[in-house]
C-alpha atoms as a PDB file:
ATOM      1  CA  MET A   1      14.130  19.468   4.040  1.00  0.00           C
ATOM      2  CA  ALA A   2      15.737  18.875   0.663  1.00  0.00           C
ATOM      3  CA  VAL A   3      14.747  17.054  -2.526  1.00  0.00           C
ATOM      4  CA  THR A   4      17.204  15.941  -5.207  1.00  0.00           C
ATOM      5  CA  ALA A   5      16.693  14.123  -8.499  1.00  0.00           C
ATOM      6  CA  THR A   6      19.054  11.595 -10.113  1.00  0.00           C
ATOM      7  CA  THR A   7      18.762   9.040 -12.907  1.00  0.00           C
ATOM      8  CA  PHE A   8      17.978   5.566 -11.544  1.00  0.00           C
ATOM      9  CA  GLY A   9      18.021   3.658 -14.834  1.00  0.00           C
ATOM     10  CA  VAL A  10      16.020   3.091 -18.009  1.00  0.00           C
ATOM     11  CA  THR A  11      12.928   1.060 -18.821  1.00  0.00           C
ATOM     12  CA  SER A  12      12.874  -1.766 -21.339  1.00  0.00           C
ATOM     13  CA  ASP A  13      11.768   0.739 -23.994  1.00  0.00           C
ATOM     14  CA  GLY A  14      14.662   3.086 -23.214  1.00  0.00           C
ATOM     15  CA  SER A  15      12.829   5.703 -21.138  1.00  0.00           C
ATOM     16  CA  ALA A  16      14.774   7.274 -18.289  1.00  0.00           C
ATOM     17  CA  VAL A  17      13.593   6.657 -14.715  1.00  0.00           C
ATOM     18  CA  THR A  18      14.206   9.381 -12.136  1.00  0.00           C
ATOM     19  CA  GLN A  19      14.868   8.769  -8.450  1.00  0.00           C
ATOM     20  CA  TYR A  20      13.800  11.589  -6.127  1.00  0.00           C
ATOM     21  CA  THR A  21      15.474  11.625  -2.711  1.00  0.00           C
ATOM     22  CA  LEU A  22      13.796  13.464   0.148  1.00  0.00           C
ATOM     23  CA  THR A  23      15.973  14.120   3.205  1.00  0.00           C
ATOM     24  CA  ASN A  24      15.475  15.903   6.504  1.00  0.00           C
ATOM     25  CA  ARG A  25      17.782  17.222   9.222  1.00  0.00           C
ATOM     26  CA  ARG A  26      17.236  14.194  11.471  1.00  0.00           C
ATOM     27  CA  GLY A  27      18.978  11.760   9.139  1.00  0.00           C
ATOM     28  CA  MET A  28      15.907  10.263   7.478  1.00  0.00           C
ATOM     29  CA  ALA A  29      15.807   9.822   3.696  1.00  0.00           C
ATOM     30  CA  VAL A  30      13.157   8.504   1.297  1.00  0.00           C
ATOM     31  CA  ASP A  31      13.719   7.522  -2.336  1.00  0.00           C
ATOM     32  CA  ILE A  32      10.776   7.750  -4.757  1.00  0.00           C
ATOM     33  CA  LEU A  33      10.971   6.462  -8.345  1.00  0.00           C
ATOM     34  CA  SER A  34       9.152   7.924 -11.309  1.00  0.00           C
ATOM     35  CA  TYR A  35       8.453   4.329 -12.398  1.00  0.00           C
ATOM     36  CA  GLY A  36       5.409   3.066 -10.508  1.00  0.00           C
ATOM     37  CA  ALA A  37       5.722   6.070  -8.154  1.00  0.00           C
ATOM     38  CA  VAL A  38       7.545   3.492  -6.027  1.00  0.00           C
ATOM     39  CA  VAL A  39       8.795   4.110  -2.496  1.00  0.00           C
ATOM     40  CA  ARG A  40      12.156   2.388  -3.057  1.00  0.00           C
ATOM     41  CA  ARG A  41      13.993   3.190   0.164  1.00  0.00           C
ATOM     42  CA  ILE A  42      13.194   4.602   3.596  1.00  0.00           C
ATOM     43  CA  LEU A  43      16.338   5.228   5.615  1.00  0.00           C
ATOM     44  CA  VAL A  44      15.709   5.696   9.358  1.00  0.00           C
ATOM     45  CA  PRO A  45      18.213   5.938  12.245  1.00  0.00           C
ATOM     46  CA  ASP A  46      17.753   3.143  14.776  1.00  0.00           C
ATOM     47  CA  ARG A  47      18.037   3.482  18.576  1.00  0.00           C
ATOM     48  CA  ASP A  48      21.837   3.682  18.224  1.00  0.00           C
ATOM     49  CA  GLY A  49      21.780   6.176  15.362  1.00  0.00           C
ATOM     50  CA  VAL A  50      22.621   3.531  12.737  1.00  0.00           C
ATOM     51  CA  PRO A  51      20.707   4.152   9.454  1.00  0.00           C
ATOM     52  CA  ARG A  52      18.370   1.296   8.513  1.00  0.00           C
ATOM     53  CA  ASP A  53      16.567   0.851   5.207  1.00  0.00           C
ATOM     54  CA  VAL A  54      13.152  -0.311   6.388  1.00  0.00           C
ATOM     55  CA  VAL A  55      11.325  -1.167   3.131  1.00  0.00           C
ATOM     56  CA  LEU A  56      11.730  -4.029   0.666  1.00  0.00           C
ATOM     57  CA  GLY A  57      12.631  -3.178  -2.922  1.00  0.00           C
ATOM     58  CA  PHE A  58      14.910  -3.666  -5.901  1.00  0.00           C
ATOM     59  CA  ASP A  59      18.112  -2.210  -7.324  1.00  0.00           C
ATOM     60  CA  THR A  60      17.085  -2.097 -11.000  1.00  0.00           C
ATOM     61  CA  VAL A  61      14.298  -0.781 -13.190  1.00  0.00           C
ATOM     62  CA  ALA A  62      14.065  -4.208 -14.860  1.00  0.00           C
ATOM     63  CA  ALA A  63      13.095  -5.763 -11.532  1.00  0.00           C
ATOM     64  CA  TYR A  64      10.399  -3.137 -10.946  1.00  0.00           C
ATOM     65  CA  GLU A  65       8.968  -3.829 -14.405  1.00  0.00           C
ATOM     66  CA  LYS A  66       8.233  -7.324 -13.061  1.00  0.00           C
ATOM     67  CA  ASN A  67       7.213  -6.129  -9.582  1.00  0.00           C
ATOM     68  CA  TYR A  68       4.400  -8.628  -9.083  1.00  0.00           C
ATOM     69  CA  SER A  69       4.697  -8.281  -5.304  1.00  0.00           C
ATOM     70  CA  PHE A  70       4.103  -4.502  -5.722  1.00  0.00           C
ATOM     71  CA  PHE A  71       7.072  -3.538  -3.533  1.00  0.00           C
ATOM     72  CA  GLY A  72       6.574   0.130  -2.598  1.00  0.00           C
ATOM     73  CA  ALA A  73       4.246   0.726  -5.534  1.00  0.00           C
ATOM     74  CA  PHE A  74       1.429   3.204  -6.070  1.00  0.00           C
ATOM     75  CA  VAL A  75      -1.681   1.073  -6.641  1.00  0.00           C
ATOM     76  CA  GLY A  76      -4.835   1.788  -8.653  1.00  0.00           C
ATOM     77  CA  ARG A  77      -7.318   2.341 -10.169  1.00  0.00           C
ATOM     78  CA  TYR A  78      -8.673  -0.035  -7.570  1.00  0.00           C
ATOM     79  CA  ALA A  79      -6.487  -1.494  -4.841  1.00  0.00           C
ATOM     80  CA  ASN A  80      -7.228  -5.049  -3.719  1.00  0.00           C
ATOM     81  CA  ARG A  81      -9.644  -7.542  -5.268  1.00  0.00           C
ATOM     82  CA  ILE A  82     -12.782  -7.099  -7.355  1.00  0.00           C
ATOM     83  CA  LYS A  83     -14.532 -10.447  -7.691  1.00  0.00           C
ATOM     84  CA  ASN A  84     -14.722 -11.878 -11.221  1.00  0.00           C
ATOM     85  CA  GLY A  85     -13.261  -8.610 -12.505  1.00  0.00           C
ATOM     86  CA  ARG A  86     -16.645  -6.947 -12.924  1.00  0.00           C
ATOM     87  CA  PHE A  87     -19.040  -4.569 -11.232  1.00  0.00           C
ATOM     88  CA  THR A  88     -22.284  -2.749 -11.988  1.00  0.00           C
ATOM     89  CA  LEU A  89     -22.649   1.019 -11.716  1.00  0.00           C
ATOM     90  CA  ASN A  90     -25.668   3.096 -12.724  1.00  0.00           C
ATOM     91  CA  GLY A  91     -27.195   0.018 -14.378  1.00  0.00           C
ATOM     92  CA  ASN A  92     -24.141  -0.675 -16.526  1.00  0.00           C
ATOM     93  CA  THR A  93     -21.833  -3.669 -16.055  1.00  0.00           C
ATOM     94  CA  TYR A  94     -18.102  -3.062 -16.455  1.00  0.00           C
ATOM     95  CA  VAL A  95     -15.651  -5.890 -17.153  1.00  0.00           C
ATOM     96  CA  LEU A  96     -12.130  -5.238 -15.876  1.00  0.00           C
ATOM     97  CA  LYS A  97      -8.752  -6.615 -16.801  1.00  0.00           C
ATOM     98  CA  HIS A  98      -8.193  -9.937 -15.031  1.00  0.00           C
ATOM     99  CA  THR A  99      -4.956  -9.554 -13.085  1.00  0.00           C
ATOM    100  CA  TYR A 100      -5.507 -12.203 -10.370  1.00  0.00           C
ATOM    101  CA  GLY A 101      -6.812 -15.356 -12.017  1.00  0.00           C
ATOM    102  CA  LYS A 102     -10.387 -14.574 -12.995  1.00  0.00           C
ATOM    103  CA  HIS A 103     -10.426 -11.581 -10.635  1.00  0.00           C
ATOM    104  CA  HIS A 104      -9.109  -8.014 -10.742  1.00  0.00           C
ATOM    105  CA  LEU A 105      -6.291  -7.048  -8.358  1.00  0.00           C
ATOM    106  CA  HIS A 106      -4.759  -3.584  -7.885  1.00  0.00           C
ATOM    107  CA  GLY A 107      -4.800  -2.494 -11.535  1.00  0.00           C
ATOM    108  CA  THR A 108      -1.863  -1.260 -13.600  1.00  0.00           C
ATOM    109  CA  PHE A 109      -0.843   2.094 -12.100  1.00  0.00           C
ATOM    110  CA  SER A 110       2.172   0.314 -10.554  1.00  0.00           C
ATOM    111  CA  PHE A 111       3.630  -0.440 -13.978  1.00  0.00           C
ATOM    112  CA  ARG A 112       3.873   2.898 -15.708  1.00  0.00           C
ATOM    113  CA  LEU A 113       6.309   5.768 -15.923  1.00  0.00           C
ATOM    114  CA  TYR A 114       5.253   9.083 -14.418  1.00  0.00           C
ATOM    115  CA  LYS A 115       6.575  12.588 -14.779  1.00  0.00           C
ATOM    116  CA  GLY A 116       7.449  14.008 -11.392  1.00  0.00           C
ATOM    117  CA  GLU A 117       7.839  17.588 -10.254  1.00  0.00           C
ATOM    118  CA  ILE A 118       9.577  18.962  -7.171  1.00  0.00           C
ATOM    119  CA  GLU A 119       7.239  21.382  -5.430  1.00  0.00           C
ATOM    120  CA  ASP A 120       7.548  22.858  -1.933  1.00  0.00           C
ATOM    121  CA  ASN A 121      10.061  20.192  -0.848  1.00  0.00           C
ATOM    122  CA  ALA A 122       7.781  17.401  -2.056  1.00  0.00           C
ATOM    123  CA  VAL A 123       7.528  15.190  -5.156  1.00  0.00           C
ATOM    124  CA  VAL A 124       4.272  15.425  -7.106  1.00  0.00           C
ATOM    125  CA  PHE A 125       3.040  13.140  -9.888  1.00  0.00           C
ATOM    126  CA  ARG A 126       0.102  14.233 -12.042  1.00  0.00           C
ATOM    127  CA  PHE A 127      -1.376  12.011 -14.721  1.00  0.00           C
ATOM    128  CA  GLN A 128      -4.550  11.040 -16.540  1.00  0.00           C
ATOM    129  CA  SER A 129      -6.116   7.596 -16.895  1.00  0.00           C
ATOM    130  CA  PRO A 130      -8.296   7.539 -20.039  1.00  0.00           C
ATOM    131  CA  PRO A 131     -11.851   6.166 -20.157  1.00  0.00           C
ATOM    132  CA  SER A 132     -12.103   2.364 -20.509  1.00  0.00           C
ATOM    133  CA  GLU A 133      -8.519   1.850 -19.301  1.00  0.00           C
ATOM    134  CA  GLU A 134      -8.580  -1.558 -17.581  1.00  0.00           C
ATOM    135  CA  GLY A 135     -12.346  -1.430 -18.234  1.00  0.00           C
ATOM    136  CA  TYR A 136     -13.178   1.448 -15.867  1.00  0.00           C
ATOM    137  CA  PRO A 137     -15.565   4.231 -16.867  1.00  0.00           C
ATOM    138  CA  GLY A 138     -14.523   7.860 -16.971  1.00  0.00           C
ATOM    139  CA  THR A 139     -11.330   9.825 -17.416  1.00  0.00           C
ATOM    140  CA  LEU A 140      -9.547   9.891 -14.063  1.00  0.00           C
ATOM    141  CA  ARG A 141      -7.128  12.717 -13.307  1.00  0.00           C
ATOM    142  CA  VAL A 142      -4.831  11.978 -10.372  1.00  0.00           C
ATOM    143  CA  ASN A 143      -2.542  14.103  -8.225  1.00  0.00           C
ATOM    144  CA  LEU A 144      -0.138  12.083  -6.033  1.00  0.00           C
ATOM    145  CA  ARG A 145       2.201  13.804  -3.578  1.00  0.00           C
ATOM    146  CA  TYR A 146       5.028  12.485  -1.379  1.00  0.00           C
ATOM    147  CA  ALA A 147       6.471  14.685   1.364  1.00  0.00           C
ATOM    148  CA  LEU A 148       8.901  14.089   4.227  1.00  0.00           C
ATOM    149  CA  THR A 149       8.541  16.106   7.412  1.00  0.00           C
ATOM    150  CA  GLU A 150      11.259  17.168   9.828  1.00  0.00           C
ATOM    151  CA  ASP A 151       9.715  14.898  12.469  1.00  0.00           C
ATOM    152  CA  ASN A 152      10.282  11.779  10.339  1.00  0.00           C
ATOM    153  CA  ALA A 153       6.888  11.303   8.708  1.00  0.00           C
ATOM    154  CA  LEU A 154       6.396  10.221   5.108  1.00  0.00           C
ATOM    155  CA  VAL A 155       3.116  11.854   4.098  1.00  0.00           C
ATOM    156  CA  ILE A 156       1.299  10.596   1.004  1.00  0.00           C
ATOM    157  CA  THR A 157      -1.662  12.589  -0.286  1.00  0.00           C
ATOM    158  CA  TYR A 158      -3.926  11.620  -3.154  1.00  0.00           C
ATOM    159  CA  ALA A 159      -6.533  13.584  -5.096  1.00  0.00           C
ATOM    160  CA  ALA A 160      -8.542  12.412  -8.099  1.00  0.00           C
ATOM    161  CA  VAL A 161     -11.397  13.723 -10.222  1.00  0.00           C
ATOM    162  CA  THR A 162     -13.451  12.034 -12.931  1.00  0.00           C
ATOM    163  CA  ASP A 163     -15.698  13.201 -15.757  1.00  0.00           C
ATOM    164  CA  ALA A 164     -18.026  10.194 -15.367  1.00  0.00           C
ATOM    165  CA  ASP A 165     -19.131   8.157 -12.371  1.00  0.00           C
ATOM    166  CA  THR A 166     -16.516   5.506 -11.583  1.00  0.00           C
ATOM    167  CA  VAL A 167     -14.948   3.603  -8.673  1.00  0.00           C
ATOM    168  CA  VAL A 168     -11.603   4.528  -7.117  1.00  0.00           C
ATOM    169  CA  ASN A 169      -9.405   2.961  -4.445  1.00  0.00           C
ATOM    170  CA  LEU A 170      -5.778   4.146  -4.283  1.00  0.00           C
ATOM    171  CA  THR A 171      -3.004   3.084  -1.915  1.00  0.00           C
ATOM    172  CA  ASN A 172       0.710   2.551  -1.408  1.00  0.00           C
ATOM    173  CA  HIS A 173       2.013  -1.020  -1.213  1.00  0.00           C
ATOM    174  CA  SER A 174       5.240  -0.642   0.796  1.00  0.00           C
ATOM    175  CA  TYR A 175       6.534  -3.669   2.701  1.00  0.00           C
ATOM    176  CA  PHE A 176       8.096  -2.657   6.006  1.00  0.00           C
ATOM    177  CA  ASN A 177      10.769  -4.455   7.993  1.00  0.00           C
ATOM    178  CA  LEU A 178      11.709  -2.238  10.921  1.00  0.00           C
ATOM    179  CA  ASN A 179      14.875  -4.250  11.569  1.00  0.00           C
ATOM    180  CA  GLY A 180      16.060  -3.318   8.072  1.00  0.00           C
ATOM    181  CA  HIS A 181      15.096  -4.737   4.678  1.00  0.00           C
ATOM    182  CA  ASN A 182      17.760  -7.430   5.145  1.00  0.00           C
ATOM    183  CA  GLY A 183      16.714  -8.071   8.747  1.00  0.00           C
ATOM    184  CA  SER A 184      15.185 -11.521   8.193  1.00  0.00           C
ATOM    185  CA  ASP A 185      11.471 -11.918   8.999  1.00  0.00           C
ATOM    186  CA  ILE A 186       9.036  -9.633  10.813  1.00  0.00           C
ATOM    187  CA  LEU A 187       7.453 -12.280  13.053  1.00  0.00           C
ATOM    188  CA  GLU A 188       9.042 -10.820  16.210  1.00  0.00           C
ATOM    189  CA  HIS A 189       7.852  -7.288  15.418  1.00  0.00           C
ATOM    190  CA  THR A 190       4.994  -6.129  17.603  1.00  0.00           C
ATOM    191  CA  LEU A 191       1.855  -4.608  16.112  1.00  0.00           C
ATOM    192  CA  GLN A 192      -1.164  -2.832  17.491  1.00  0.00           C
ATOM    193  CA  LEU A 193      -3.956  -2.265  14.995  1.00  0.00           C
ATOM    194  CA  PHE A 194      -7.023  -0.233  15.935  1.00  0.00           C
ATOM    195  CA  ALA A 195      -9.414  -2.411  13.968  1.00  0.00           C
ATOM    196  CA  ASP A 196     -12.337  -4.319  15.452  1.00  0.00           C
ATOM    197  CA  ARG A 197     -13.708  -5.978  12.280  1.00  0.00           C
ATOM    198  CA  PHE A 198     -12.470  -7.451   9.001  1.00  0.00           C
ATOM    199  CA  THR A 199     -13.914  -8.524   5.660  1.00  0.00           C
ATOM    200  CA  GLU A 200     -14.110 -12.305   5.400  1.00  0.00           C
ATOM    201  CA  LEU A 201     -12.231 -14.072   2.575  1.00  0.00           C
ATOM    202  CA  ASP A 202     -13.437 -16.945   0.430  1.00  0.00           C
ATOM    203  CA  ALA A 203     -11.162 -19.772  -0.737  1.00  0.00           C
ATOM    204  CA  GLU A 204      -9.681 -17.495  -3.447  1.00  0.00           C
ATOM    205  CA  SER A 205      -8.896 -14.655  -1.016  1.00  0.00           C
ATOM    206  CA  VAL A 206     -11.766 -12.581  -2.392  1.00  0.00           C
ATOM    207  CA  PRO A 207     -14.313 -10.993  -0.014  1.00  0.00           C
ATOM    208  CA  THR A 208     -17.490 -12.940   0.658  1.00  0.00           C
ATOM    209  CA  GLY A 209     -19.389  -9.775   1.585  1.00  0.00           C
ATOM    210  CA  ARG A 210     -19.476 -10.661   5.286  1.00  0.00           C
ATOM    211  CA  ILE A 211     -17.984  -8.326   7.897  1.00  0.00           C
ATOM    212  CA  LEU A 212     -16.809 -10.205  10.988  1.00  0.00           C
ATOM    213  CA  PRO A 213     -15.498  -9.175  14.428  1.00  0.00           C
ATOM    214  CA  VAL A 214     -11.818  -9.769  15.178  1.00  0.00           C
ATOM    215  CA  GLY A 215     -12.567 -10.789  18.764  1.00  0.00           C
ATOM    216  CA  GLY A 216     -11.556 -14.375  19.505  1.00  0.00           C
ATOM    217  CA  THR A 217      -9.598 -14.719  16.245  1.00  0.00           C
ATOM    218  CA  ALA A 218      -5.954 -14.471  15.246  1.00  0.00           C
ATOM    219  CA  LEU A 219      -6.806 -11.176  13.515  1.00  0.00           C
ATOM    220  CA  ASP A 220      -7.270  -9.384  16.817  1.00  0.00           C
ATOM    221  CA  PHE A 221      -4.455  -6.836  17.150  1.00  0.00           C
ATOM    222  CA  ARG A 222      -6.375  -4.394  19.302  1.00  0.00           C
ATOM    223  CA  ARG A 223      -3.781  -5.034  21.981  1.00  0.00           C
ATOM    224  CA  GLU A 224      -0.136  -5.039  21.008  1.00  0.00           C
ATOM    225  CA  LYS A 225       1.222  -8.482  20.164  1.00  0.00           C
ATOM    226  CA  LYS A 226       3.922 -10.066  18.032  1.00  0.00           C
ATOM    227  CA  ILE A 227       2.999 -10.393  14.375  1.00  0.00           C
ATOM    228  CA  GLY A 228       4.033 -14.037  14.545  1.00  0.00           C
ATOM    229  CA  ALA A 229       2.143 -14.820  17.752  1.00  0.00           C
ATOM    230  CA  ASP A 230      -0.906 -16.283  15.992  1.00  0.00           C
ATOM    231  CA  ILE A 231       0.049 -16.247  12.308  1.00  0.00           C
ATOM    232  CA  PHE A 232       0.332 -20.038  12.073  1.00  0.00           C
ATOM    233  CA  ARG A 233      -2.825 -20.757  14.062  1.00  0.00           C
ATOM    234  CA  ALA A 234      -5.077 -23.284  12.303  1.00  0.00           C
ATOM    235  CA  GLU A 235      -7.882 -20.840  11.531  1.00  0.00           C
ATOM    236  CA  GLU A 236      -9.614 -20.961   8.162  1.00  0.00           C
ATOM    237  CA  GLN A 237      -8.923 -17.311   7.321  1.00  0.00           C
ATOM    238  CA  LEU A 238      -5.186 -17.717   7.973  1.00  0.00           C
ATOM    239  CA  LEU A 239      -4.993 -21.028   6.128  1.00  0.00           C
ATOM    240  CA  ILE A 240      -6.582 -19.457   3.048  1.00  0.00           C
ATOM    241  CA  ALA A 241      -4.070 -16.594   2.927  1.00  0.00           C
ATOM    242  CA  LYS A 242      -1.056 -18.475   4.380  1.00  0.00           C
ATOM    243  CA  GLY A 243      -0.895 -15.717   6.982  1.00  0.00           C
ATOM    244  CA  TYR A 244      -2.388 -12.229   7.147  1.00  0.00           C
ATOM    245  CA  ASP A 245      -3.827 -10.733   3.966  1.00  0.00           C
ATOM    246  CA  HIS A 246      -6.973  -9.122   5.273  1.00  0.00           C
ATOM    247  CA  ASN A 247      -8.900  -5.881   5.059  1.00  0.00           C
ATOM    248  CA  MET A 248      -8.942  -4.584   8.619  1.00  0.00           C
ATOM    249  CA  ILE A 249     -11.746  -2.132   9.457  1.00  0.00           C
ATOM    250  CA  PHE A 250     -10.991   0.698  11.841  1.00  0.00           C
ATOM    251  CA  GLN A 251     -12.914   1.371  15.012  1.00  0.00           C
ATOM    252  CA  LYS A 252     -13.495   5.014  14.096  1.00  0.00           C
ATOM    253  CA  PRO A 253     -15.370   6.158  10.960  1.00  0.00           C
ATOM    254  CA  SER A 254     -13.521   7.240   7.836  1.00  0.00           C
ATOM    255  CA  GLY A 255     -12.828  10.832   6.862  1.00  0.00           C
ATOM    256  CA  ALA A 256     -11.104  12.005  10.031  1.00  0.00           C
ATOM    257  CA  PHE A 257      -7.322  11.718  10.055  1.00  0.00           C
ATOM    258  CA  ARG A 258      -6.329   9.355  12.876  1.00  0.00           C
ATOM    259  CA  THR A 259      -3.745   6.791  13.948  1.00  0.00           C
ATOM    260  CA  PHE A 260      -4.633   3.237  12.946  1.00  0.00           C
ATOM    261  CA  ALA A 261      -1.509   1.181  13.680  1.00  0.00           C
ATOM    262  CA  VAL A 262       1.714   1.121  15.699  1.00  0.00           C
ATOM    263  CA  ALA A 263       4.483  -1.375  14.853  1.00  0.00           C
ATOM    264  CA  LYS A 264       7.873  -1.864  16.520  1.00  0.00           C
ATOM    265  CA  GLY A 265      11.059  -3.535  15.327  1.00  0.00           C
ATOM    266  CA  ASP A 266      12.398  -5.930  17.938  1.00  0.00           C
ATOM    267  CA  LYS A 267      16.091  -5.491  17.054  1.00  0.00           C
ATOM    268  CA  THR A 268      16.359  -1.796  16.176  1.00  0.00           C
ATOM    269  CA  GLY A 269      13.840  -0.035  18.394  1.00  0.00           C
ATOM    270  CA  ILE A 270      12.367   1.667  15.320  1.00  0.00           C
ATOM    271  CA  THR A 271       8.652   2.366  15.724  1.00  0.00           C
ATOM    272  CA  LEU A 272       6.248   2.995  12.851  1.00  0.00           C
ATOM    273  CA  THR A 273       3.021   4.877  13.580  1.00  0.00           C
ATOM    274  CA  ALA A 274       0.524   4.898  10.703  1.00  0.00           C
ATOM    275  CA  ALA A 275      -2.374   7.320  10.298  1.00  0.00           C
ATOM    276  CA  THR A 276      -4.931   7.861   7.530  1.00  0.00           C
ATOM    277  CA  THR A 277      -8.276   9.285   6.479  1.00  0.00           C
ATOM    278  CA  GLU A 278      -9.301   5.898   4.989  1.00  0.00           C
ATOM    279  CA  PRO A 279     -11.792   3.495   6.630  1.00  0.00           C
ATOM    280  CA  ALA A 280      -9.575   0.395   6.489  1.00  0.00           C
ATOM    281  CA  ALA A 281      -6.162  -1.040   5.688  1.00  0.00           C
ATOM    282  CA  GLN A 282      -4.950  -4.277   4.188  1.00  0.00           C
ATOM    283  CA  LEU A 283      -2.638  -6.069   6.602  1.00  0.00           C
ATOM    284  CA  TYR A 284      -0.387  -8.299   4.491  1.00  0.00           C
ATOM    285  CA  THR A 285       2.617 -10.234   5.756  1.00  0.00           C
ATOM    286  CA  GLY A 286       4.279 -11.073   2.432  1.00  0.00           C
ATOM    287  CA  ASN A 287       3.052 -14.652   2.570  1.00  0.00           C
ATOM    288  CA  PHE A 288       4.054 -15.505  -1.001  1.00  0.00           C
ATOM    289  CA  VAL A 289       7.171 -13.367  -1.419  1.00  0.00           C
ATOM    290  CA  ARG A 290      10.159 -15.187  -2.902  1.00  0.00           C
ATOM    291  CA  THR A 291      12.604 -13.003  -4.825  1.00  0.00           C
ATOM    292  CA  ALA A 292      16.022 -11.379  -4.741  1.00  0.00           C
ATOM    293  CA  GLY A 293      15.800  -7.811  -3.493  1.00  0.00           C
ATOM    294  CA  LYS A 294      18.118  -4.876  -2.837  1.00  0.00           C
ATOM    295  CA  ASN A 295      21.783  -5.803  -2.442  1.00  0.00           C
ATOM    296  CA  GLY A 296      20.956  -9.372  -3.488  1.00  0.00           C
ATOM    297  CA  VAL A 297      19.053 -10.058  -0.272  1.00  0.00           C
ATOM    298  CA  ALA A 298      16.764 -13.081  -0.505  1.00  0.00           C
ATOM    299  CA  TYR A 299      13.238 -11.966   0.367  1.00  0.00           C
ATOM    300  CA  THR A 300      11.084 -14.843   1.584  1.00  0.00           C
ATOM    301  CA  PRO A 301       7.627 -15.157   3.155  1.00  0.00           C
ATOM    302  CA  TYR A 302       7.211 -12.800   6.133  1.00  0.00           C
ATOM    303  CA  SER A 303      10.202 -10.628   5.156  1.00  0.00           C
ATOM    304  CA  GLY A 304       7.971  -7.564   5.391  1.00  0.00           C
ATOM    305  CA  PHE A 305       4.481  -6.408   6.301  1.00  0.00           C
ATOM    306  CA  CYS A 306       2.125  -3.992   4.557  1.00  0.00           C
ATOM    307  CA  LEU A 307      -0.364  -1.519   6.000  1.00  0.00           C
ATOM    308  CA  GLU A 308      -2.226  -0.446   2.847  1.00  0.00           C
ATOM    309  CA  ALA A 309      -4.709   2.286   3.796  1.00  0.00           C
ATOM    310  CA  GLN A 310      -7.718   1.991   1.489  1.00  0.00           C
ATOM    311  CA  ARG A 311     -11.424   1.512   0.875  1.00  0.00           C
ATOM    312  CA  TYR A 312     -12.916  -1.972   1.224  1.00  0.00           C
ATOM    313  CA  PRO A 313     -11.977  -4.577  -1.402  1.00  0.00           C
ATOM    314  CA  CYS A 314     -14.741  -5.460  -3.842  1.00  0.00           C
ATOM    315  CA  ALA A 315     -16.882  -2.617  -2.478  1.00  0.00           C
ATOM    316  CA  PRO A 316     -18.615  -2.034  -5.869  1.00  0.00           C
ATOM    317  CA  ASN A 317     -20.193  -5.499  -5.556  1.00  0.00           C
ATOM    318  CA  PHE A 318     -21.432  -5.353  -1.963  1.00  0.00           C
ATOM    319  CA  SER A 319     -24.036  -2.778  -0.962  1.00  0.00           C
ATOM    320  CA  ALA A 320     -23.250  -3.333   2.735  1.00  0.00           C
ATOM    321  CA  PHE A 321     -19.710  -2.017   2.204  1.00  0.00           C
ATOM    322  CA  PRO A 322     -19.057   1.749   2.242  1.00  0.00           C
ATOM    323  CA  THR A 323     -19.202   3.054  -1.287  1.00  0.00           C
ATOM    324  CA  ALA A 324     -16.071   3.478  -3.393  1.00  0.00           C
ATOM    325  CA  VAL A 325     -17.957   5.387  -6.105  1.00  0.00           C
ATOM    326  CA  LEU A 326     -16.499   8.698  -7.245  1.00  0.00           C
ATOM    327  CA  LYS A 327     -19.140  10.749  -8.976  1.00  0.00           C
ATOM    328  CA  ALA A 328     -18.423  13.044 -11.891  1.00  0.00           C
ATOM    329  CA  GLY A 329     -17.220  16.404 -10.668  1.00  0.00           C
ATOM    330  CA  GLU A 330     -16.473  15.211  -7.140  1.00  0.00           C
ATOM    331  CA  THR A 331     -12.940  14.849  -5.720  1.00  0.00           C
ATOM    332  CA  TYR A 332     -11.432  11.749  -4.148  1.00  0.00           C
ATOM    333  CA  ARG A 333      -9.030  12.653  -1.351  1.00  0.00           C
ATOM    334  CA  GLN A 334      -6.794  10.594   0.894  1.00  0.00           C
ATOM    335  CA  ARG A 335      -4.016  11.443   3.336  1.00  0.00           C
ATOM    336  CA  THR A 336      -1.854   8.660   4.792  1.00  0.00           C
ATOM    337  CA  GLU A 337       1.186   9.117   6.991  1.00  0.00           C
ATOM    338  CA  TYR A 338       3.953   6.723   8.072  1.00  0.00           C
ATOM    339  CA  ARG A 339       5.900   8.222  10.998  1.00  0.00           C
ATOM    340  CA  PHE A 340       9.149   6.729  12.336  1.00  0.00           C
ATOM    341  CA  THR A 341      10.634   7.178  15.798  1.00  0.00           C
END
């Protein structure tokens, strides 16, 4: 394992952005930016030994400063949607920054510059989110670590502590295309997802509070199938999101580290196996993506898919959802792994 640091570019205010490159002896490489703690590139040998860059991204800092699709970004304080941008905790109502119409989506951690450190062949970002930032209570201190193993796994670990009760939901928002980031769409990829339920969406793609079974719906990936097999089926949930953009709930309880998804590229033979300690993951198929990406490639809907390990969206507003509250003095922890073979 080796980690190197180079200058990637500068922000609009003239601050330098560092790119950290993690490499192993099997020919895999991962680029991490200090801006947005972005996973910019994942280079994996295909079945013929040809290196393939399997994540969507950009070539410039300027593009990442307008990264409204969150390509590869570190997301927080709260990943996914919070309805009407508000929640109540300990009898107090908190009003959040509206980043998705009248709702709150993902927060602003994806749009800031971090100071990284190389430690034990990993890249570590440590930072502090002050009280009332985006409207959240408490000072949140975060430790984010990216490591690459010799058996081709990108391991992301998160830890956070707060000095006042708050809510926390952190994730990574990488878009994968296992045929290569310029490999057209991902509809012929196969996916198996060990999730038997999902959180229902309303007309604005915000949770209704209902948890529904995947059985008999297009969201059933319990057996391996092509991502595109049912994506255009005339089901209300798919019509709302223009494809998959759903919180998929795992069959096993949260806390234990376990595999939750296996995806395969149809042209390259590259397989992605995802594992996490989280209770769910957002399956998103890039339904609204339209932008120029790395090397000038035109990214369009279904150019990549996301497996965002996380807590439930809008959990602070639904008592039936597992809590996303982090109490003062307690530690939030998450481990998520993306392994390539």
